Amino acid sequence: MAKRTKVRIVGKYGTHVASLRKMVKKTEISQHA
């Protein structure tokens, strides 16, 4: 059951987290550049 709920949460927020990571990477690159 726990695994299924985890998969559901990941599926829901997976794309959101990915977009957040992309934004963080962009900000980091801009800061270093």
PDB file of N, CA and C in Angstrom:
ATOM      1  N   MET A   1       0.840  -1.206   0.000  1.00  0.00           N
ATOM      2  CA  MET A   1       0.000   0.000   0.000  1.00  0.00           C
ATOM      3  C   MET A   1       0.872   1.252   0.000  1.00  0.00           C
ATOM      4  N   ALA A   2       1.879   1.255   0.867  1.00  0.00           N
ATOM      5  CA  ALA A   2       2.760   2.430   0.960  1.00  0.00           C
ATOM      6  C   ALA A   2       3.413   2.703  -0.392  1.00  0.00           C
ATOM      7  N   LYS A   3       3.859   1.636  -1.053  1.00  0.00           N
ATOM      8  CA  LYS A   3       4.519   1.819  -2.356  1.00  0.00           C
ATOM      9  C   LYS A   3       3.545   2.445  -3.356  1.00  0.00           C
ATOM     10  N   ARG A   4       2.314   1.994  -3.345  1.00  0.00           N
ATOM     11  CA  ARG A   4       1.324   2.520  -4.298  1.00  0.00           C
ATOM     12  C   ARG A   4       1.090   4.006  -4.042  1.00  0.00           C
ATOM     13  N   THR A   5       0.947   4.386  -2.785  1.00  0.00           N
ATOM     14  CA  THR A   5       0.720   5.803  -2.464  1.00  0.00           C
ATOM     15  C   THR A   5       1.931   6.622  -2.888  1.00  0.00           C
ATOM     16  N   LYS A   6       3.114   6.066  -2.690  1.00  0.00           N
ATOM     17  CA  LYS A   6       4.339   6.783  -3.097  1.00  0.00           C
ATOM     18  C   LYS A   6       4.322   7.016  -4.601  1.00  0.00           C
ATOM     19  N   VAL A   7       3.983   5.985  -5.351  1.00  0.00           N
ATOM     20  CA  VAL A   7       3.940   6.105  -6.815  1.00  0.00           C
ATOM     21  C   VAL A   7       2.933   7.175  -7.214  1.00  0.00           C
ATOM     22  N   ARG A   8       1.790   7.202  -6.528  1.00  0.00           N
ATOM     23  CA  ARG A   8       0.767   8.202  -6.854  1.00  0.00           C
ATOM     24  C   ARG A   8       1.300   9.603  -6.605  1.00  0.00           C
ATOM     25  N   ILE A   9       1.947   9.799  -5.458  1.00  0.00           N
ATOM     26  CA  ILE A   9       2.488  11.123  -5.122  1.00  0.00           C
ATOM     27  C   ILE A   9       3.539  11.519  -6.159  1.00  0.00           C
ATOM     28  N   VAL A  10       4.424  10.586  -6.497  1.00  0.00           N
ATOM     29  CA  VAL A  10       5.479  10.878  -7.474  1.00  0.00           C
ATOM     30  C   VAL A  10       4.853  11.235  -8.819  1.00  0.00           C
ATOM     31  N   GLY A  11       3.831  10.501  -9.214  1.00  0.00           N
ATOM     32  CA  GLY A  11       3.172  10.772 -10.490  1.00  0.00           C
ATOM     33  C   GLY A  11       2.538  12.151 -10.497  1.00  0.00           C
ATOM     34  N   LYS A  12       1.952  12.537  -9.350  1.00  0.00           N
ATOM     35  CA  LYS A  12       1.294  13.850  -9.267  1.00  0.00           C
ATOM     36  C   LYS A  12       2.320  14.967  -9.300  1.00  0.00           C
ATOM     37  N   TYR A  13       3.327  14.866  -8.443  1.00  0.00           N
ATOM     38  CA  TYR A  13       4.268  15.975  -8.286  1.00  0.00           C
ATOM     39  C   TYR A  13       5.575  15.760  -9.059  1.00  0.00           C
ATOM     40  N   GLY A  14       5.687  14.654  -9.789  1.00  0.00           N
ATOM     41  CA  GLY A  14       6.916  14.388 -10.539  1.00  0.00           C
ATOM     42  C   GLY A  14       7.216  15.501 -11.529  1.00  0.00           C
ATOM     43  N   THR A  15       6.218  15.864 -12.333  1.00  0.00           N
ATOM     44  CA  THR A  15       6.423  16.911 -13.344  1.00  0.00           C
ATOM     45  C   THR A  15       6.696  18.245 -12.660  1.00  0.00           C
ATOM     46  N   HIS A  16       5.994  18.511 -11.553  1.00  0.00           N
ATOM     47  CA  HIS A  16       6.174  19.788 -10.847  1.00  0.00           C
ATOM     48  C   HIS A  16       7.598  19.881 -10.312  1.00  0.00           C
ATOM     49  N   VAL A  17       8.071  18.802  -9.694  1.00  0.00           N
ATOM     50  CA  VAL A  17       9.435  18.797  -9.150  1.00  0.00           C
ATOM     51  C   VAL A  17      10.443  18.958 -10.274  1.00  0.00           C
ATOM     52  N   ALA A  18      10.189  18.300 -11.406  1.00  0.00           N
ATOM     53  CA  ALA A  18      11.104  18.396 -12.542  1.00  0.00           C
ATOM     54  C   ALA A  18      11.210  19.839 -13.011  1.00  0.00           C
ATOM     55  N   SER A  19      10.072  20.518 -13.110  1.00  0.00           N
ATOM     56  CA  SER A  19      10.086  21.920 -13.554  1.00  0.00           C
ATOM     57  C   SER A  19      10.831  22.773 -12.535  1.00  0.00           C
ATOM     58  N   LEU A  20      10.627  22.501 -11.247  1.00  0.00           N
ATOM     59  CA  LEU A  20      11.324  23.268 -10.204  1.00  0.00           C
ATOM     60  C   LEU A  20      12.829  23.057 -10.338  1.00  0.00           C
ATOM     61  N   ARG A  21      13.242  21.803 -10.557  1.00  0.00           N
ATOM     62  CA  ARG A  21      14.675  21.511 -10.703  1.00  0.00           C
ATOM     63  C   ARG A  21      15.241  22.249 -11.905  1.00  0.00           C
ATOM     64  N   LYS A  22      14.496  22.284 -12.996  1.00  0.00           N
ATOM     65  CA  LYS A  22      14.959  23.003 -14.193  1.00  0.00           C
ATOM     66  C   LYS A  22      15.159  24.476 -13.865  1.00  0.00           C
ATOM     67  N   MET A  23      14.213  25.068 -13.139  1.00  0.00           N
ATOM     68  CA  MET A  23      14.319  26.481 -12.760  1.00  0.00           C
ATOM     69  C   MET A  23      15.555  26.691 -11.892  1.00  0.00           C
ATOM     70  N   VAL A  24      15.770  25.796 -10.930  1.00  0.00           N
ATOM     71  CA  VAL A  24      16.932  25.921 -10.040  1.00  0.00           C
ATOM     72  C   VAL A  24      18.212  25.830 -10.857  1.00  0.00           C
ATOM     73  N   LYS A  25      18.260  24.883 -11.789  1.00  0.00           N
ATOM     74  CA  LYS A  25      19.458  24.738 -12.627  1.00  0.00           C
ATOM     75  C   LYS A  25      19.696  26.012 -13.426  1.00  0.00           C
ATOM     76  N   LYS A  26      18.643  26.581 -13.983  1.00  0.00           N
ATOM     77  CA  LYS A  26      18.778  27.814 -14.772  1.00  0.00           C
ATOM     78  C   LYS A  26      19.325  28.936 -13.896  1.00  0.00           C
ATOM     79  N   THR A  27      18.793  29.083 -12.688  1.00  0.00           N
ATOM     80  CA  THR A  27      19.249  30.146 -11.784  1.00  0.00           C
ATOM     81  C   THR A  27      20.708  29.914 -11.412  1.00  0.00           C
ATOM     82  N   GLU A  28      21.072  28.664 -11.148  1.00  0.00           N
ATOM     83  CA  GLU A  28      22.462  28.362 -10.788  1.00  0.00           C
ATOM     84  C   GLU A  28      23.391  28.724 -11.941  1.00  0.00           C
ATOM     85  N   ILE A  29      23.017  28.351 -13.157  1.00  0.00           N
ATOM     86  CA  ILE A  29      23.855  28.637 -14.328  1.00  0.00           C
ATOM     87  C   ILE A  29      23.999  30.148 -14.497  1.00  0.00           C
ATOM     88  N   SER A  30      22.895  30.868 -14.344  1.00  0.00           N
ATOM     89  CA  SER A  30      22.940  32.326 -14.526  1.00  0.00           C
ATOM     90  C   SER A  30      23.833  32.949 -13.454  1.00  0.00           C
ATOM     91  N   GLN A  31      23.791  32.435 -12.240  1.00  0.00           N
ATOM     92  CA  GLN A  31      24.616  32.980 -11.165  1.00  0.00           C
ATOM     93  C   GLN A  31      26.095  32.718 -11.443  1.00  0.00           C
ATOM     94  N   HIS A  32      26.414  31.501 -11.892  1.00  0.00           N
ATOM     95  CA  HIS A  32      27.815  31.151 -12.147  1.00  0.00           C
ATOM     96  C   HIS A  32      28.352  31.894 -13.369  1.00  0.00           C
ATOM     97  N   ALA A  33      27.499  32.073 -14.370  1.00  0.00           N
ATOM     98  CA  ALA A  33      27.958  32.673 -15.633  1.00  0.00           C
ATOM     99  C   ALA A  33      28.433  34.097 -15.406  1.00  0.00           C
TER     100      ALA A  33
END
